[in-house]
């Protein structure tokens, strides 16, 4: 019986990853025969888990979403992480009913109902003890994110109304390829069929989203990743600055938390930071709060601006000391 229970938990944990598995794939992962796998799938269905099956070539098993799912298979740490993740998402306050943050707040009060007894009590205690500060962000509808995800997975063209940063309205027909979350904003990377080029769209500016039913072929992304392409676009008018800071990565991350900085640990007490700034004036304040030695590697105009400011600052303190 213990072996059966262990197999069932392993099967459920595998299916709860959300992806589809072929029978051969599941049997290999769980080290069971195809016949045993079929029996265990039937047991899961008997317990109320909606396991769907697609027979024939390309067939698979998948755990479908349901309205009344039995307990999730989460250990204590996973339950805490899930609750904190939902709480963090709920704190991105848009002030709009029906937005993603609104859905997260509703889920926040229900999540422990889906947990087994032990992590449920810990999750309830954590929720009762936790407060989160709100950080305003544009509202995004969960349905839009889900519809785009499905269109991306099925390579389906979408149409939508779009309002750009200048307030100009247009109708777009797009092959969606990736969704990106960066700095409290959601973005869609897609191939614009009218403009015949890659475009990045703010998801909160998308309205009247429709899936067309027309499918498209695969396209190579215009960069190593959608996130890299987005960052390059956002920083196109900025100067890239490289710093080496004599401080641990966690301290540097905290000092630059309001910047889109890429951090690399060079050792236990040294960090390289790469970030885009509009001008040198953005650098001194976070570095002053960091209170650590640092070296600016470039570019030259940023070095010149910081050096001129350092001379003015030194002159100001020299005059004060002379007066004393």
C-alpha atoms as a PDB file:
ATOM      1  CA  UNK A   1       0.000   0.000   0.000  1.00  0.00           C
ATOM      2  CA  UNK A   2       2.855   2.357   0.838  1.00  0.00           C
ATOM      3  CA  UNK A   3       4.275   1.758  -2.666  1.00  0.00           C
ATOM      4  CA  UNK A   4       0.913   2.582  -4.236  1.00  0.00           C
ATOM      5  CA  UNK A   5       0.626   5.782  -2.174  1.00  0.00           C
ATOM      6  CA  UNK A   6       4.134   6.837  -3.130  1.00  0.00           C
ATOM      7  CA  UNK A   7       3.433   6.175  -6.811  1.00  0.00           C
ATOM      8  CA  UNK A   8       0.203   8.153  -6.681  1.00  0.00           C
ATOM      9  CA  UNK A   9       1.877  11.153  -5.054  1.00  0.00           C
ATOM     10  CA  UNK A  10       4.731  11.031  -7.566  1.00  0.00           C
ATOM     11  CA  UNK A  11       2.279  10.820 -10.470  1.00  0.00           C
ATOM     12  CA  UNK A  12       0.190  13.698  -9.115  1.00  0.00           C
ATOM     13  CA  UNK A  13       3.229  15.885  -8.460  1.00  0.00           C
ATOM     14  CA  UNK A  14       4.430  15.262 -12.039  1.00  0.00           C
ATOM     15  CA  UNK A  15       1.054  16.076 -13.597  1.00  0.00           C
ATOM     16  CA  UNK A  16       0.676  19.212 -11.474  1.00  0.00           C
ATOM     17  CA  UNK A  17       3.573  20.788 -13.359  1.00  0.00           C
ATOM     18  CA  UNK A  18       0.872  21.652 -15.906  1.00  0.00           C
ATOM     19  CA  UNK A  19       2.437  20.125 -19.008  1.00  0.00           C
ATOM     20  CA  UNK A  20       1.257  17.160 -21.040  1.00  0.00           C
ATOM     21  CA  UNK A  21       3.110  13.819 -20.882  1.00  0.00           C
ATOM     22  CA  UNK A  22       2.973  10.831 -23.189  1.00  0.00           C
ATOM     23  CA  UNK A  23       2.289   7.476 -21.550  1.00  0.00           C
ATOM     24  CA  UNK A  24       5.804   6.273 -22.333  1.00  0.00           C
ATOM     25  CA  UNK A  25       7.272   9.439 -20.832  1.00  0.00           C
ATOM     26  CA  UNK A  26       5.307   9.093 -17.594  1.00  0.00           C
ATOM     27  CA  UNK A  27       6.074   5.381 -17.283  1.00  0.00           C
ATOM     28  CA  UNK A  28       9.780   6.098 -17.696  1.00  0.00           C
ATOM     29  CA  UNK A  29       9.775   9.000 -15.204  1.00  0.00           C
ATOM     30  CA  UNK A  30       7.886   6.989 -12.570  1.00  0.00           C
ATOM     31  CA  UNK A  31       9.637   3.664 -13.280  1.00  0.00           C
ATOM     32  CA  UNK A  32       6.387   1.766 -13.790  1.00  0.00           C
ATOM     33  CA  UNK A  33       4.884  -0.328 -16.567  1.00  0.00           C
ATOM     34  CA  UNK A  34       2.315   1.198 -18.956  1.00  0.00           C
ATOM     35  CA  UNK A  35      -0.342  -1.040 -17.399  1.00  0.00           C
ATOM     36  CA  UNK A  36       0.460   0.193 -13.867  1.00  0.00           C
ATOM     37  CA  UNK A  37       0.412   3.779 -15.127  1.00  0.00           C
ATOM     38  CA  UNK A  38      -3.081   3.335 -16.574  1.00  0.00           C
ATOM     39  CA  UNK A  39      -4.341   1.901 -13.268  1.00  0.00           C
ATOM     40  CA  UNK A  40      -2.809   4.777 -11.291  1.00  0.00           C
ATOM     41  CA  UNK A  41      -4.362   7.346 -13.629  1.00  0.00           C
ATOM     42  CA  UNK A  42      -7.758   5.723 -13.062  1.00  0.00           C
ATOM     43  CA  UNK A  43      -7.182   5.882  -9.287  1.00  0.00           C
ATOM     44  CA  UNK A  44      -6.448   9.606  -9.537  1.00  0.00           C
ATOM     45  CA  UNK A  45      -9.667  10.121 -11.466  1.00  0.00           C
ATOM     46  CA  UNK A  46     -11.495   8.163  -8.787  1.00  0.00           C
ATOM     47  CA  UNK A  47     -10.121  10.592  -6.174  1.00  0.00           C
ATOM     48  CA  UNK A  48     -11.532  13.518  -8.142  1.00  0.00           C
ATOM     49  CA  UNK A  49      -8.496  14.701 -10.078  1.00  0.00           C
ATOM     50  CA  UNK A  50      -9.493  15.602 -13.670  1.00  0.00           C
ATOM     51  CA  UNK A  51      -6.818  13.759 -15.666  1.00  0.00           C
ATOM     52  CA  UNK A  52      -7.549  14.085 -19.386  1.00  0.00           C
ATOM     53  CA  UNK A  53      -6.270  11.678 -22.028  1.00  0.00           C
ATOM     54  CA  UNK A  54      -5.708  12.131 -25.743  1.00  0.00           C
ATOM     55  CA  UNK A  55      -5.369   8.738 -27.446  1.00  0.00           C
ATOM     56  CA  UNK A  56      -3.533   7.883 -30.647  1.00  0.00           C
ATOM     57  CA  UNK A  57      -0.448   9.495 -32.215  1.00  0.00           C
ATOM     58  CA  UNK A  58       0.583  12.539 -30.237  1.00  0.00           C
ATOM     59  CA  UNK A  59      -1.543  11.301 -27.332  1.00  0.00           C
ATOM     60  CA  UNK A  60      -0.856  12.442 -23.807  1.00  0.00           C
ATOM     61  CA  UNK A  61      -2.021  12.700 -20.214  1.00  0.00           C
ATOM     62  CA  UNK A  62      -2.692  16.113 -18.667  1.00  0.00           C
ATOM     63  CA  UNK A  63      -4.145  17.321 -15.373  1.00  0.00           C
ATOM     64  CA  UNK A  64      -6.958  19.666 -16.373  1.00  0.00           C
ATOM     65  CA  UNK A  65      -7.975  22.700 -14.372  1.00  0.00           C
ATOM     66  CA  UNK A  66     -11.078  22.172 -12.286  1.00  0.00           C
ATOM     67  CA  UNK A  67     -13.397  24.189 -10.094  1.00  0.00           C
ATOM     68  CA  UNK A  68     -13.143  21.906  -7.092  1.00  0.00           C
ATOM     69  CA  UNK A  69      -9.667  20.416  -7.089  1.00  0.00           C
ATOM     70  CA  UNK A  70      -8.626  18.089  -4.267  1.00  0.00           C
ATOM     71  CA  UNK A  71      -5.631  19.120  -2.108  1.00  0.00           C
ATOM     72  CA  UNK A  72      -2.490  20.256  -3.905  1.00  0.00           C
ATOM     73  CA  UNK A  73       0.632  18.193  -3.339  1.00  0.00           C
ATOM     74  CA  UNK A  74       2.835  20.898  -1.788  1.00  0.00           C
ATOM     75  CA  UNK A  75       5.325  20.539   1.021  1.00  0.00           C
ATOM     76  CA  UNK A  76       5.569  23.199   3.743  1.00  0.00           C
ATOM     77  CA  UNK A  77       8.156  25.347   1.940  1.00  0.00           C
ATOM     78  CA  UNK A  78       6.247  25.171  -1.359  1.00  0.00           C
ATOM     79  CA  UNK A  79       3.024  26.210   0.372  1.00  0.00           C
ATOM     80  CA  UNK A  80       4.763  29.221   1.943  1.00  0.00           C
ATOM     81  CA  UNK A  81       6.310  30.177  -1.416  1.00  0.00           C
ATOM     82  CA  UNK A  82       2.933  29.913  -3.179  1.00  0.00           C
ATOM     83  CA  UNK A  83       1.215  32.078  -0.581  1.00  0.00           C
ATOM     84  CA  UNK A  84       3.948  34.715  -0.648  1.00  0.00           C
ATOM     85  CA  UNK A  85       3.893  34.736  -4.451  1.00  0.00           C
ATOM     86  CA  UNK A  86       0.155  35.420  -4.491  1.00  0.00           C
ATOM     87  CA  UNK A  87       0.538  38.080  -1.776  1.00  0.00           C
ATOM     88  CA  UNK A  88       3.270  39.820  -3.779  1.00  0.00           C
ATOM     89  CA  UNK A  89       1.125  39.813  -6.913  1.00  0.00           C
ATOM     90  CA  UNK A  90      -1.837  41.177  -4.956  1.00  0.00           C
ATOM     91  CA  UNK A  91       0.354  44.059  -3.721  1.00  0.00           C
ATOM     92  CA  UNK A  92       0.808  45.378  -7.290  1.00  0.00           C
ATOM     93  CA  UNK A  93      -2.263  47.520  -6.846  1.00  0.00           C
ATOM     94  CA  UNK A  94      -3.943  48.805 -10.019  1.00  0.00           C
ATOM     95  CA  UNK A  95      -7.119  49.988  -8.306  1.00  0.00           C
ATOM     96  CA  UNK A  96      -9.158  48.270 -11.028  1.00  0.00           C
ATOM     97  CA  UNK A  97     -11.781  45.612 -10.378  1.00  0.00           C
ATOM     98  CA  UNK A  98     -11.212  42.414 -12.317  1.00  0.00           C
ATOM     99  CA  UNK A  99      -7.477  42.968 -12.720  1.00  0.00           C
ATOM    100  CA  UNK A 100      -4.720  40.476 -12.009  1.00  0.00           C
ATOM    101  CA  UNK A 101      -4.067  41.967  -8.565  1.00  0.00           C
ATOM    102  CA  UNK A 102      -7.784  41.675  -7.750  1.00  0.00           C
ATOM    103  CA  UNK A 103      -7.759  37.982  -8.718  1.00  0.00           C
ATOM    104  CA  UNK A 104      -4.617  37.467  -6.613  1.00  0.00           C
ATOM    105  CA  UNK A 105      -6.323  39.005  -3.581  1.00  0.00           C
ATOM    106  CA  UNK A 106      -9.244  36.613  -3.976  1.00  0.00           C
ATOM    107  CA  UNK A 107      -6.903  33.647  -4.400  1.00  0.00           C
ATOM    108  CA  UNK A 108      -4.944  34.781  -1.343  1.00  0.00           C
ATOM    109  CA  UNK A 109      -7.921  34.038   0.861  1.00  0.00           C
ATOM    110  CA  UNK A 110      -8.626  30.644  -0.746  1.00  0.00           C
ATOM    111  CA  UNK A 111      -5.253  29.058  -1.321  1.00  0.00           C
ATOM    112  CA  UNK A 112      -5.031  27.231   1.988  1.00  0.00           C
ATOM    113  CA  UNK A 113      -8.324  25.457   1.210  1.00  0.00           C
ATOM    114  CA  UNK A 114      -6.466  23.495  -1.477  1.00  0.00           C
ATOM    115  CA  UNK A 115      -3.625  22.413   0.815  1.00  0.00           C
ATOM    116  CA  UNK A 116      -3.271  19.292   2.978  1.00  0.00           C
ATOM    117  CA  UNK A 117      -3.683  19.737   6.731  1.00  0.00           C
ATOM    118  CA  UNK A 118      -0.053  20.398   7.756  1.00  0.00           C
ATOM    119  CA  UNK A 119       0.891  23.100   5.208  1.00  0.00           C
ATOM    120  CA  UNK A 120      -2.667  24.475   5.468  1.00  0.00           C
ATOM    121  CA  UNK A 121      -2.195  25.442   9.106  1.00  0.00           C
ATOM    122  CA  UNK A 122       1.193  27.016   8.363  1.00  0.00           C
ATOM    123  CA  UNK A 123      -0.219  28.946   5.393  1.00  0.00           C
ATOM    124  CA  UNK A 124      -3.126  30.208   7.509  1.00  0.00           C
ATOM    125  CA  UNK A 125      -0.715  31.376  10.234  1.00  0.00           C
ATOM    126  CA  UNK A 126       1.483  33.102   7.655  1.00  0.00           C
ATOM    127  CA  UNK A 127      -1.476  34.895   6.085  1.00  0.00           C
ATOM    128  CA  UNK A 128      -2.701  36.081   9.489  1.00  0.00           C
ATOM    129  CA  UNK A 129       0.751  37.492  10.319  1.00  0.00           C
ATOM    130  CA  UNK A 130       1.571  39.102   6.960  1.00  0.00           C
ATOM    131  CA  UNK A 131       1.119  42.638   5.677  1.00  0.00           C
ATOM    132  CA  UNK A 132       2.337  43.809   2.264  1.00  0.00           C
ATOM    133  CA  UNK A 133       2.904  47.347   1.048  1.00  0.00           C
ATOM    134  CA  UNK A 134       1.080  48.230  -2.143  1.00  0.00           C
ATOM    135  CA  UNK A 135       3.068  49.302  -5.202  1.00  0.00           C
ATOM    136  CA  UNK A 136       0.876  50.918  -7.853  1.00  0.00           C
ATOM    137  CA  UNK A 137       1.061  49.271 -11.272  1.00  0.00           C
ATOM    138  CA  UNK A 138      -1.112  49.258 -14.414  1.00  0.00           C
ATOM    139  CA  UNK A 139      -3.940  46.736 -14.266  1.00  0.00           C
ATOM    140  CA  UNK A 140      -3.904  43.665 -16.495  1.00  0.00           C
ATOM    141  CA  UNK A 141      -6.819  41.265 -16.930  1.00  0.00           C
ATOM    142  CA  UNK A 142      -5.985  37.627 -16.094  1.00  0.00           C
ATOM    143  CA  UNK A 143      -8.141  36.563 -19.056  1.00  0.00           C
ATOM    144  CA  UNK A 144      -5.945  38.559 -21.453  1.00  0.00           C
ATOM    145  CA  UNK A 145      -2.766  36.919 -20.150  1.00  0.00           C
ATOM    146  CA  UNK A 146      -4.385  33.479 -20.376  1.00  0.00           C
ATOM    147  CA  UNK A 147      -5.749  34.070 -23.891  1.00  0.00           C
ATOM    148  CA  UNK A 148      -2.357  35.274 -25.097  1.00  0.00           C
ATOM    149  CA  UNK A 149      -0.661  32.274 -23.486  1.00  0.00           C
ATOM    150  CA  UNK A 150      -2.995  29.887 -25.294  1.00  0.00           C
ATOM    151  CA  UNK A 151      -2.527  31.723 -28.598  1.00  0.00           C
ATOM    152  CA  UNK A 152       1.260  31.538 -28.176  1.00  0.00           C
ATOM    153  CA  UNK A 153       1.118  27.826 -27.354  1.00  0.00           C
ATOM    154  CA  UNK A 154      -1.089  27.097 -30.383  1.00  0.00           C
ATOM    155  CA  UNK A 155       0.678  29.569 -32.734  1.00  0.00           C
ATOM    156  CA  UNK A 156      -2.561  31.414 -33.354  1.00  0.00           C
ATOM    157  CA  UNK A 157      -2.771  34.948 -34.732  1.00  0.00           C
ATOM    158  CA  UNK A 158      -4.585  37.520 -32.580  1.00  0.00           C
ATOM    159  CA  UNK A 159      -6.096  40.935 -33.221  1.00  0.00           C
ATOM    160  CA  UNK A 160      -6.556  43.732 -30.705  1.00  0.00           C
ATOM    161  CA  UNK A 161      -7.038  47.452 -30.262  1.00  0.00           C
ATOM    162  CA  UNK A 162      -3.897  49.183 -28.997  1.00  0.00           C
ATOM    163  CA  UNK A 163      -3.233  52.620 -27.517  1.00  0.00           C
ATOM    164  CA  UNK A 164       0.432  53.597 -27.554  1.00  0.00           C
ATOM    165  CA  UNK A 165       2.338  55.799 -25.085  1.00  0.00           C
ATOM    166  CA  UNK A 166       1.294  58.947 -26.988  1.00  0.00           C
ATOM    167  CA  UNK A 167      -2.390  58.003 -26.838  1.00  0.00           C
ATOM    168  CA  UNK A 168      -2.693  57.058 -30.526  1.00  0.00           C
ATOM    169  CA  UNK A 169      -5.168  54.228 -31.200  1.00  0.00           C
ATOM    170  CA  UNK A 170      -4.688  51.491 -33.792  1.00  0.00           C
ATOM    171  CA  UNK A 171      -5.907  48.020 -34.646  1.00  0.00           C
ATOM    172  CA  UNK A 172      -3.206  45.336 -34.713  1.00  0.00           C
ATOM    173  CA  UNK A 173      -2.970  41.859 -36.217  1.00  0.00           C
ATOM    174  CA  UNK A 174      -0.134  40.021 -34.506  1.00  0.00           C
ATOM    175  CA  UNK A 175       1.542  36.641 -34.260  1.00  0.00           C
ATOM    176  CA  UNK A 176       2.150  36.427 -30.474  1.00  0.00           C
ATOM    177  CA  UNK A 177       5.397  34.765 -29.368  1.00  0.00           C
ATOM    178  CA  UNK A 178       6.304  35.636 -25.754  1.00  0.00           C
ATOM    179  CA  UNK A 179       4.925  37.373 -22.666  1.00  0.00           C
ATOM    180  CA  UNK A 180       7.378  39.222 -20.416  1.00  0.00           C
ATOM    181  CA  UNK A 181       7.003  40.627 -16.902  1.00  0.00           C
ATOM    182  CA  UNK A 182       9.493  43.391 -16.077  1.00  0.00           C
ATOM    183  CA  UNK A 183       9.426  46.233 -13.566  1.00  0.00           C
ATOM    184  CA  UNK A 184       5.743  45.807 -12.621  1.00  0.00           C
ATOM    185  CA  UNK A 185       4.681  45.797 -16.282  1.00  0.00           C
ATOM    186  CA  UNK A 186       3.424  43.022 -18.591  1.00  0.00           C
ATOM    187  CA  UNK A 187       4.532  42.990 -22.232  1.00  0.00           C
ATOM    188  CA  UNK A 188       3.754  40.989 -25.373  1.00  0.00           C
ATOM    189  CA  UNK A 189       6.426  40.334 -27.995  1.00  0.00           C
ATOM    190  CA  UNK A 190       4.883  39.590 -31.375  1.00  0.00           C
ATOM    191  CA  UNK A 191       5.295  39.825 -35.138  1.00  0.00           C
ATOM    192  CA  UNK A 192       3.094  42.656 -36.438  1.00  0.00           C
ATOM    193  CA  UNK A 193       1.669  41.404 -39.746  1.00  0.00           C
ATOM    194  CA  UNK A 194       0.832  44.881 -41.129  1.00  0.00           C
ATOM    195  CA  UNK A 195       4.211  46.380 -40.242  1.00  0.00           C
ATOM    196  CA  UNK A 196       6.088  43.170 -41.053  1.00  0.00           C
ATOM    197  CA  UNK A 197       8.358  43.561 -38.062  1.00  0.00           C
ATOM    198  CA  UNK A 198       8.736  42.633 -34.414  1.00  0.00           C
ATOM    199  CA  UNK A 199       6.876  44.814 -31.929  1.00  0.00           C
ATOM    200  CA  UNK A 200       6.571  44.948 -28.136  1.00  0.00           C
ATOM    201  CA  UNK A 201       3.142  45.839 -26.717  1.00  0.00           C
ATOM    202  CA  UNK A 202       2.237  46.823 -23.161  1.00  0.00           C
ATOM    203  CA  UNK A 203      -0.477  44.332 -22.198  1.00  0.00           C
ATOM    204  CA  UNK A 204      -2.376  46.885 -20.099  1.00  0.00           C
ATOM    205  CA  UNK A 205      -2.850  48.957 -23.290  1.00  0.00           C
ATOM    206  CA  UNK A 206      -4.407  46.048 -25.196  1.00  0.00           C
ATOM    207  CA  UNK A 207      -8.209  45.943 -25.536  1.00  0.00           C
ATOM    208  CA  UNK A 208     -10.737  43.887 -27.501  1.00  0.00           C
ATOM    209  CA  UNK A 209      -8.357  40.932 -27.792  1.00  0.00           C
ATOM    210  CA  UNK A 210      -9.587  38.290 -30.254  1.00  0.00           C
ATOM    211  CA  UNK A 211      -8.141  34.941 -31.284  1.00  0.00           C
ATOM    212  CA  UNK A 212      -8.619  34.559 -35.025  1.00  0.00           C
ATOM    213  CA  UNK A 213      -8.297  30.793 -35.440  1.00  0.00           C
ATOM    214  CA  UNK A 214      -5.599  31.384 -38.090  1.00  0.00           C
ATOM    215  CA  UNK A 215      -2.324  29.634 -37.314  1.00  0.00           C
ATOM    216  CA  UNK A 216       1.199  30.656 -38.220  1.00  0.00           C
ATOM    217  CA  UNK A 217       4.590  29.031 -38.467  1.00  0.00           C
ATOM    218  CA  UNK A 218       7.483  29.323 -36.039  1.00  0.00           C
ATOM    219  CA  UNK A 219       9.748  32.381 -36.153  1.00  0.00           C
ATOM    220  CA  UNK A 220      13.190  32.815 -34.662  1.00  0.00           C
ATOM    221  CA  UNK A 221      13.130  35.455 -31.931  1.00  0.00           C
ATOM    222  CA  UNK A 222      14.917  38.725 -32.762  1.00  0.00           C
ATOM    223  CA  UNK A 223      17.262  38.277 -29.776  1.00  0.00           C
ATOM    224  CA  UNK A 224      18.490  35.523 -27.473  1.00  0.00           C
ATOM    225  CA  UNK A 225      15.354  36.051 -25.380  1.00  0.00           C
ATOM    226  CA  UNK A 226      12.224  38.185 -25.377  1.00  0.00           C
ATOM    227  CA  UNK A 227      13.416  39.761 -22.126  1.00  0.00           C
ATOM    228  CA  UNK A 228      16.727  40.728 -23.739  1.00  0.00           C
ATOM    229  CA  UNK A 229      14.915  42.254 -26.721  1.00  0.00           C
ATOM    230  CA  UNK A 230      12.605  44.213 -24.430  1.00  0.00           C
ATOM    231  CA  UNK A 231      15.474  45.519 -22.323  1.00  0.00           C
ATOM    232  CA  UNK A 232      17.390  46.588 -25.410  1.00  0.00           C
ATOM    233  CA  UNK A 233      14.369  48.551 -26.595  1.00  0.00           C
ATOM    234  CA  UNK A 234      13.691  50.194 -23.247  1.00  0.00           C
ATOM    235  CA  UNK A 235      17.338  51.182 -22.918  1.00  0.00           C
ATOM    236  CA  UNK A 236      17.821  52.248 -26.546  1.00  0.00           C
ATOM    237  CA  UNK A 237      18.020  55.941 -25.595  1.00  0.00           C
ATOM    238  CA  UNK A 238      19.996  55.277 -22.427  1.00  0.00           C
ATOM    239  CA  UNK A 239      23.692  54.889 -21.811  1.00  0.00           C
ATOM    240  CA  UNK A 240      24.844  51.510 -20.536  1.00  0.00           C
ATOM    241  CA  UNK A 241      26.946  51.873 -17.408  1.00  0.00           C
ATOM    242  CA  UNK A 242      29.168  49.166 -15.946  1.00  0.00           C
ATOM    243  CA  UNK A 243      30.161  49.210 -12.294  1.00  0.00           C
ATOM    244  CA  UNK A 244      32.238  46.968 -10.067  1.00  0.00           C
ATOM    245  CA  UNK A 245      31.135  47.403  -6.459  1.00  0.00           C
ATOM    246  CA  UNK A 246      33.003  46.123  -3.400  1.00  0.00           C
ATOM    247  CA  UNK A 247      29.852  44.740  -1.770  1.00  0.00           C
ATOM    248  CA  UNK A 248      27.822  41.501  -1.854  1.00  0.00           C
ATOM    249  CA  UNK A 249      25.263  41.074  -4.621  1.00  0.00           C
ATOM    250  CA  UNK A 250      22.325  41.304  -2.176  1.00  0.00           C
ATOM    251  CA  UNK A 251      23.433  44.758  -0.962  1.00  0.00           C
ATOM    252  CA  UNK A 252      23.942  46.028  -4.486  1.00  0.00           C
ATOM    253  CA  UNK A 253      20.541  44.645  -5.535  1.00  0.00           C
ATOM    254  CA  UNK A 254      18.901  46.527  -2.668  1.00  0.00           C
ATOM    255  CA  UNK A 255      20.653  49.813  -3.526  1.00  0.00           C
ATOM    256  CA  UNK A 256      19.677  49.499  -7.215  1.00  0.00           C
ATOM    257  CA  UNK A 257      16.199  48.083  -6.616  1.00  0.00           C
ATOM    258  CA  UNK A 258      14.554  50.878  -8.605  1.00  0.00           C
ATOM    259  CA  UNK A 259      16.839  50.347 -11.612  1.00  0.00           C
ATOM    260  CA  UNK A 260      16.717  47.663 -14.292  1.00  0.00           C
ATOM    261  CA  UNK A 261      20.177  46.386 -13.353  1.00  0.00           C
ATOM    262  CA  UNK A 262      21.820  43.107 -14.337  1.00  0.00           C
ATOM    263  CA  UNK A 263      23.993  41.853 -11.490  1.00  0.00           C
ATOM    264  CA  UNK A 264      26.815  39.330 -11.449  1.00  0.00           C
ATOM    265  CA  UNK A 265      28.584  38.122  -8.318  1.00  0.00           C
ATOM    266  CA  UNK A 266      32.375  38.308  -8.818  1.00  0.00           C
ATOM    267  CA  UNK A 267      33.011  36.871  -5.354  1.00  0.00           C
ATOM    268  CA  UNK A 268      31.507  36.930  -1.849  1.00  0.00           C
ATOM    269  CA  UNK A 269      32.091  40.685  -1.487  1.00  0.00           C
ATOM    270  CA  UNK A 270      32.297  41.991  -5.068  1.00  0.00           C
ATOM    271  CA  UNK A 271      29.560  42.550  -7.678  1.00  0.00           C
ATOM    272  CA  UNK A 272      29.435  43.735 -11.283  1.00  0.00           C
ATOM    273  CA  UNK A 273      26.361  45.810 -12.157  1.00  0.00           C
ATOM    274  CA  UNK A 274      25.260  46.765 -15.676  1.00  0.00           C
ATOM    275  CA  UNK A 275      22.414  49.245 -16.025  1.00  0.00           C
ATOM    276  CA  UNK A 276      21.024  51.841 -18.410  1.00  0.00           C
ATOM    277  CA  UNK A 277      20.788  55.476 -17.298  1.00  0.00           C
ATOM    278  CA  UNK A 278      19.593  58.645 -19.037  1.00  0.00           C
ATOM    279  CA  UNK A 279      22.517  60.632 -17.646  1.00  0.00           C
ATOM    280  CA  UNK A 280      25.249  60.443 -15.012  1.00  0.00           C
ATOM    281  CA  UNK A 281      23.020  62.221 -12.440  1.00  0.00           C
ATOM    282  CA  UNK A 282      21.145  58.944 -11.823  1.00  0.00           C
ATOM    283  CA  UNK A 283      24.224  57.230 -10.380  1.00  0.00           C
ATOM    284  CA  UNK A 284      25.500  59.130  -7.283  1.00  0.00           C
ATOM    285  CA  UNK A 285      22.441  58.794  -5.051  1.00  0.00           C
ATOM    286  CA  UNK A 286      22.033  54.978  -5.020  1.00  0.00           C
ATOM    287  CA  UNK A 287      25.807  54.574  -4.789  1.00  0.00           C
ATOM    288  CA  UNK A 288      25.927  56.954  -1.818  1.00  0.00           C
ATOM    289  CA  UNK A 289      23.317  54.875   0.012  1.00  0.00           C
ATOM    290  CA  UNK A 290      25.295  51.736  -0.765  1.00  0.00           C
ATOM    291  CA  UNK A 291      28.290  53.062   1.248  1.00  0.00           C
ATOM    292  CA  UNK A 292      30.885  50.870  -0.479  1.00  0.00           C
ATOM    293  CA  UNK A 293      33.897  51.377  -2.741  1.00  0.00           C
ATOM    294  CA  UNK A 294      33.161  51.079  -6.453  1.00  0.00           C
ATOM    295  CA  UNK A 295      34.747  51.495  -9.861  1.00  0.00           C
ATOM    296  CA  UNK A 296      32.886  52.879 -12.894  1.00  0.00           C
ATOM    297  CA  UNK A 297      34.091  51.141 -16.055  1.00  0.00           C
ATOM    298  CA  UNK A 298      32.431  53.479 -18.538  1.00  0.00           C
ATOM    299  CA  UNK A 299      31.303  54.952 -20.875  1.00  0.00           C
ATOM    300  CA  UNK A 300      33.495  58.074 -21.070  1.00  0.00           C
ATOM    301  CA  UNK A 301      30.702  60.681 -20.885  1.00  0.00           C
ATOM    302  CA  UNK A 302      29.354  59.091 -17.698  1.00  0.00           C
ATOM    303  CA  UNK A 303      32.865  59.032 -16.235  1.00  0.00           C
ATOM    304  CA  UNK A 304      33.341  62.712 -17.122  1.00  0.00           C
ATOM    305  CA  UNK A 305      30.053  63.767 -15.528  1.00  0.00           C
ATOM    306  CA  UNK A 306      30.715  61.849 -12.316  1.00  0.00           C
ATOM    307  CA  UNK A 307      34.293  63.194 -12.151  1.00  0.00           C
ATOM    308  CA  UNK A 308      33.085  66.811 -12.520  1.00  0.00           C
ATOM    309  CA  UNK A 309      30.500  66.296  -9.788  1.00  0.00           C
ATOM    310  CA  UNK A 310      33.138  64.719  -7.529  1.00  0.00           C
ATOM    311  CA  UNK A 311      35.353  67.812  -7.975  1.00  0.00           C
ATOM    312  CA  UNK A 312      32.463  70.145  -7.115  1.00  0.00           C
ATOM    313  CA  UNK A 313      31.590  68.065  -4.079  1.00  0.00           C
ATOM    314  CA  UNK A 314      35.195  68.006  -2.907  1.00  0.00           C
ATOM    315  CA  UNK A 315      35.523  71.763  -3.431  1.00  0.00           C
ATOM    316  CA  UNK A 316      32.375  72.351  -1.388  1.00  0.00           C
ATOM    317  CA  UNK A 317      33.723  70.363   1.545  1.00  0.00           C
ATOM    318  CA  UNK A 318      37.165  71.982   1.233  1.00  0.00           C
ATOM    319  CA  UNK A 319      35.624  75.473   1.582  1.00  0.00           C
ATOM    320  CA  UNK A 320      33.754  74.399   4.696  1.00  0.00           C
ATOM    321  CA  UNK A 321      36.916  72.982   6.283  1.00  0.00           C
ATOM    322  CA  UNK A 322      38.800  76.211   5.417  1.00  0.00           C
ATOM    323  CA  UNK A 323      36.082  78.256   7.131  1.00  0.00           C
ATOM    324  CA  UNK A 324      36.310  76.117  10.289  1.00  0.00           C
END
